[in-house]
């Protein structure tokens, strides 16, 4: 193999890793809007108007995200009874989930609103996720209406890519139980793909 071929394989491996180290997307409940280039804009990733409200449970809810980073921290805040919360509103909002994840792809972030003041069935609210994978804080929001037993809320969407129990993933005080063997295995696999590609390139070019 020529040097050009070697560097092509190396570049492909780096590109694959770069794809893992991208931004994140809120996949459930419905996001107010998503534009990767605008995610750094507070408070809702560049989307400043309420679009559509989804039903969200007062207790036992969650937010599902798809992360491009292999390690990141997150915080979920809620603002109630405000048609279009500002950055200042979220700064003084209630933190309902906070933690970190050491693996990429799908992650379920449990959110319990049962102890939030002014949160009751029929209340309109906006949930904000702030996310940092090492390249700055990113924002996304979901506009919801709180209810005791939402018929349209799909609990089966709550999945962690590392196979860990979603119900034991995080808490509002920042504790997290995500650092487990399965998570380490996912990170090792990502590193292994890159290492294998480089090793193969060296072998072929020898």
Protein backbone atom coordinates (compact mmCIF):
# COMPACT_ATOMS: atom_id res chain seq x y z
CA UNK A 1 0.00 0.00 0.00
CA UNK A 2 1.23 3.51 -0.80
CA UNK A 3 1.66 6.22 1.79
CA UNK A 4 -1.43 7.87 0.30
CA UNK A 5 -3.44 4.72 0.97
CA UNK A 6 -2.15 4.54 4.54
CA UNK A 7 -3.10 8.12 5.28
CA UNK A 8 -6.51 7.60 3.66
CA UNK A 9 -7.26 4.75 6.07
CA UNK A 10 -5.96 6.78 9.01
CA UNK A 11 -8.11 9.74 7.99
CA UNK A 12 -11.16 7.48 7.73
CA UNK A 13 -10.56 6.22 11.26
CA UNK A 14 -10.20 9.76 12.57
CA UNK A 15 -13.38 10.76 10.77
CA UNK A 16 -15.25 7.87 12.41
CA UNK A 17 -14.06 9.01 15.82
CA UNK A 18 -14.98 12.58 15.03
CA UNK A 19 -18.51 11.39 14.25
CA UNK A 20 -18.70 9.97 17.77
CA UNK A 21 -17.45 13.29 19.19
CA UNK A 22 -20.29 15.38 17.80
CA UNK A 23 -23.11 17.20 19.56
CA UNK A 24 -26.26 15.67 20.99
CA UNK A 25 -29.93 15.50 20.13
CA UNK A 26 -33.02 15.35 22.31
CA UNK A 27 -35.08 12.53 20.82
CA UNK A 28 -37.90 12.20 23.40
CA UNK A 29 -40.11 13.96 24.29
CA UNK A 30 -40.34 16.13 21.19
CA UNK A 31 -37.68 18.82 21.09
CA UNK A 32 -38.62 22.45 20.54
CA UNK A 33 -36.25 22.28 17.59
CA UNK A 34 -32.83 21.03 16.60
CA UNK A 35 -30.06 22.73 14.65
CA UNK A 36 -26.58 21.44 15.47
CA UNK A 37 -24.94 24.77 14.58
CA UNK A 38 -27.24 26.65 16.98
CA UNK A 39 -27.05 24.30 19.97
CA UNK A 40 -24.57 26.56 21.81
CA UNK A 41 -27.23 29.31 21.95
CA UNK A 42 -29.01 29.59 25.31
CA UNK A 43 -31.57 28.89 26.50
CA UNK A 44 -32.97 26.43 23.93
CA UNK A 45 -30.43 25.91 21.17
CA UNK A 46 -31.57 28.86 19.08
CA UNK A 47 -35.29 28.04 19.22
CA UNK A 48 -36.97 30.81 21.19
CA UNK A 49 -40.66 30.08 20.69
CA UNK A 50 -42.94 27.32 21.97
CA UNK A 51 -43.76 24.97 19.11
CA UNK A 52 -45.72 21.97 20.36
CA UNK A 53 -46.45 20.72 23.87
CA UNK A 54 -46.21 17.02 24.70
CA UNK A 55 -47.84 15.35 27.68
CA UNK A 56 -45.27 14.61 30.39
CA UNK A 57 -45.76 12.66 33.64
CA UNK A 58 -45.37 14.35 37.00
CA UNK A 59 -43.62 11.26 38.31
CA UNK A 60 -41.46 8.68 36.57
CA UNK A 61 -40.72 10.73 33.45
CA UNK A 62 -37.51 10.86 31.43
CA UNK A 63 -35.77 12.63 28.59
CA UNK A 64 -34.05 10.55 25.92
CA UNK A 65 -30.97 11.89 24.18
CA UNK A 66 -28.54 10.65 21.54
CA UNK A 67 -24.99 11.72 22.37
CA UNK A 68 -22.10 12.02 19.95
CA UNK A 69 -19.61 12.35 22.81
CA UNK A 70 -18.23 9.40 24.74
CA UNK A 71 -18.12 11.36 28.03
CA UNK A 72 -20.35 14.25 29.03
CA UNK A 73 -22.17 15.98 31.85
CA UNK A 74 -25.77 17.15 31.77
CA UNK A 75 -28.35 19.04 33.79
CA UNK A 76 -32.13 19.16 33.37
CA UNK A 77 -34.06 22.18 34.62
CA UNK A 78 -37.77 22.93 34.57
CA UNK A 79 -39.64 26.23 34.44
CA UNK A 80 -43.40 26.13 35.03
CA UNK A 81 -46.22 28.52 34.15
CA UNK A 82 -44.18 30.55 31.71
CA UNK A 83 -45.23 30.63 28.07
CA UNK A 84 -41.70 31.23 26.80
CA UNK A 85 -38.96 31.05 29.48
CA UNK A 86 -35.85 33.21 29.10
CA UNK A 87 -32.27 32.38 30.05
CA UNK A 88 -32.84 34.19 33.36
CA UNK A 89 -35.93 32.06 34.00
CA UNK A 90 -33.90 28.88 33.55
CA UNK A 91 -31.06 30.23 35.68
CA UNK A 92 -33.52 30.43 38.56
CA UNK A 93 -35.40 27.29 37.52
CA UNK A 94 -35.50 23.99 39.40
CA UNK A 95 -32.86 21.35 38.69
CA UNK A 96 -34.62 18.00 38.37
CA UNK A 97 -31.77 15.83 37.06
CA UNK A 98 -28.00 16.13 36.91
CA UNK A 99 -25.17 13.73 36.24
CA UNK A 100 -22.64 12.38 33.77
CA UNK A 101 -22.42 9.55 31.28
CA UNK A 102 -19.25 7.74 30.13
CA UNK A 103 -20.63 6.30 26.87
CA UNK A 104 -22.00 7.60 23.54
CA UNK A 105 -25.33 7.13 21.74
CA UNK A 106 -28.69 6.60 23.47
CA UNK A 107 -29.13 7.69 27.09
CA UNK A 108 -32.26 7.91 29.25
CA UNK A 109 -32.25 10.76 31.78
CA UNK A 110 -34.86 10.12 34.51
CA UNK A 111 -36.89 13.21 35.43
CA UNK A 112 -39.25 13.31 38.43
CA UNK A 113 -41.30 16.50 38.82
CA UNK A 114 -43.50 15.36 41.71
CA UNK A 115 -41.63 17.51 44.27
CA UNK A 116 -41.37 20.66 42.11
CA UNK A 117 -43.34 23.58 43.49
CA UNK A 118 -46.09 24.85 41.18
CA UNK A 119 -45.99 21.57 39.24
CA UNK A 120 -49.38 19.89 39.06
CA UNK A 121 -51.62 18.19 36.52
CA UNK A 122 -52.47 20.61 33.74
CA UNK A 123 -49.45 22.86 34.31
CA UNK A 124 -47.53 23.98 31.23
CA UNK A 125 -43.76 23.72 31.60
CA UNK A 126 -40.53 23.79 29.64
CA UNK A 127 -37.71 21.33 30.27
CA UNK A 128 -34.19 22.42 29.41
CA UNK A 129 -31.18 20.12 28.97
CA UNK A 130 -27.74 21.65 29.24
CA UNK A 131 -25.03 19.31 27.98
CA UNK A 132 -21.25 19.51 27.90
CA UNK A 133 -19.09 16.94 26.15
CA UNK A 134 -15.90 18.97 26.44
CA UNK A 135 -16.40 21.50 23.67
CA UNK A 136 -18.75 23.92 25.42
CA UNK A 137 -22.30 23.97 26.76
CA UNK A 138 -25.13 22.96 24.43
CA UNK A 139 -28.86 23.51 24.92
CA UNK A 140 -32.14 21.90 23.94
CA UNK A 141 -35.67 22.26 25.29
CA UNK A 142 -38.99 20.43 25.31
CA UNK A 143 -42.31 22.15 25.92
CA UNK A 144 -44.72 19.97 27.88
CA UNK A 145 -48.01 19.83 29.73
CA UNK A 146 -47.80 17.95 33.01
CA UNK A 147 -50.27 15.19 33.79
CA UNK A 148 -50.68 12.34 36.22
CA UNK A 149 -50.95 9.51 33.68
CA UNK A 150 -50.23 10.66 30.14
CA UNK A 151 -51.71 8.20 27.66
CA UNK A 152 -49.30 9.23 24.91
CA UNK A 153 -46.05 8.97 26.91
CA UNK A 154 -43.97 6.10 25.55
CA UNK A 155 -41.99 4.54 28.42
CA UNK A 156 -40.34 2.03 26.08
CA UNK A 157 -38.23 4.87 24.64
CA UNK A 158 -36.15 4.94 27.86
CA UNK A 159 -32.96 3.04 26.89
CA UNK A 160 -29.27 3.31 27.78
CA UNK A 161 -26.82 2.30 25.07
CA UNK A 162 -24.49 0.69 27.61
CA UNK A 163 -27.22 -1.64 28.87
CA UNK A 164 -27.41 -0.10 32.36
CA UNK A 165 -30.66 0.32 34.28
CA UNK A 166 -32.18 3.68 33.23
CA UNK A 167 -34.04 4.07 36.53
CA UNK A 168 -30.76 4.15 38.47
CA UNK A 169 -28.92 6.57 36.23
CA UNK A 170 -29.10 9.99 37.83
CA UNK A 171 -30.59 12.23 40.47
CA UNK A 172 -31.23 15.91 40.97
CA UNK A 173 -28.30 16.19 43.40
CA UNK A 174 -25.81 15.15 40.75
CA UNK A 175 -25.15 11.57 41.82
CA UNK A 176 -24.73 9.05 39.05
CA UNK A 177 -24.40 5.30 38.81
CA UNK A 178 -23.32 5.19 35.16
CA UNK A 179 -19.67 4.30 35.81
CA UNK A 180 -19.96 0.57 35.37
CA UNK A 181 -18.30 -2.21 33.45
CA UNK A 182 -20.64 -2.01 30.51
CA UNK A 183 -19.88 1.69 30.07
CA UNK A 184 -16.16 1.05 30.19
CA UNK A 185 -16.66 -1.66 27.58
CA UNK A 186 -18.34 0.77 25.20
CA UNK A 187 -15.48 3.24 25.54
CA UNK A 188 -12.91 0.51 25.06
CA UNK A 189 -14.71 -0.66 21.93
CA UNK A 190 -14.62 2.83 20.43
CA UNK A 191 -10.90 3.10 21.13
CA UNK A 192 -10.40 -0.42 19.81
CA UNK A 193 -11.95 0.39 16.44
CA UNK A 194 -9.54 3.27 15.98
CA UNK A 195 -6.52 1.26 17.14
CA UNK A 196 -7.43 -1.65 14.85
CA UNK A 197 -7.72 0.65 11.84
CA UNK A 198 -4.29 2.16 12.49
CA UNK A 199 -2.73 -1.27 13.07
CA UNK A 200 -4.21 -2.60 9.85
CA UNK A 201 -2.86 0.35 7.92
CA UNK A 202 0.65 -0.20 9.26
CA UNK A 203 0.48 -3.93 8.46
CA UNK A 204 -0.66 -3.38 4.89
CA UNK A 205 1.91 -0.66 4.24
CA UNK A 206 4.79 -2.75 5.62
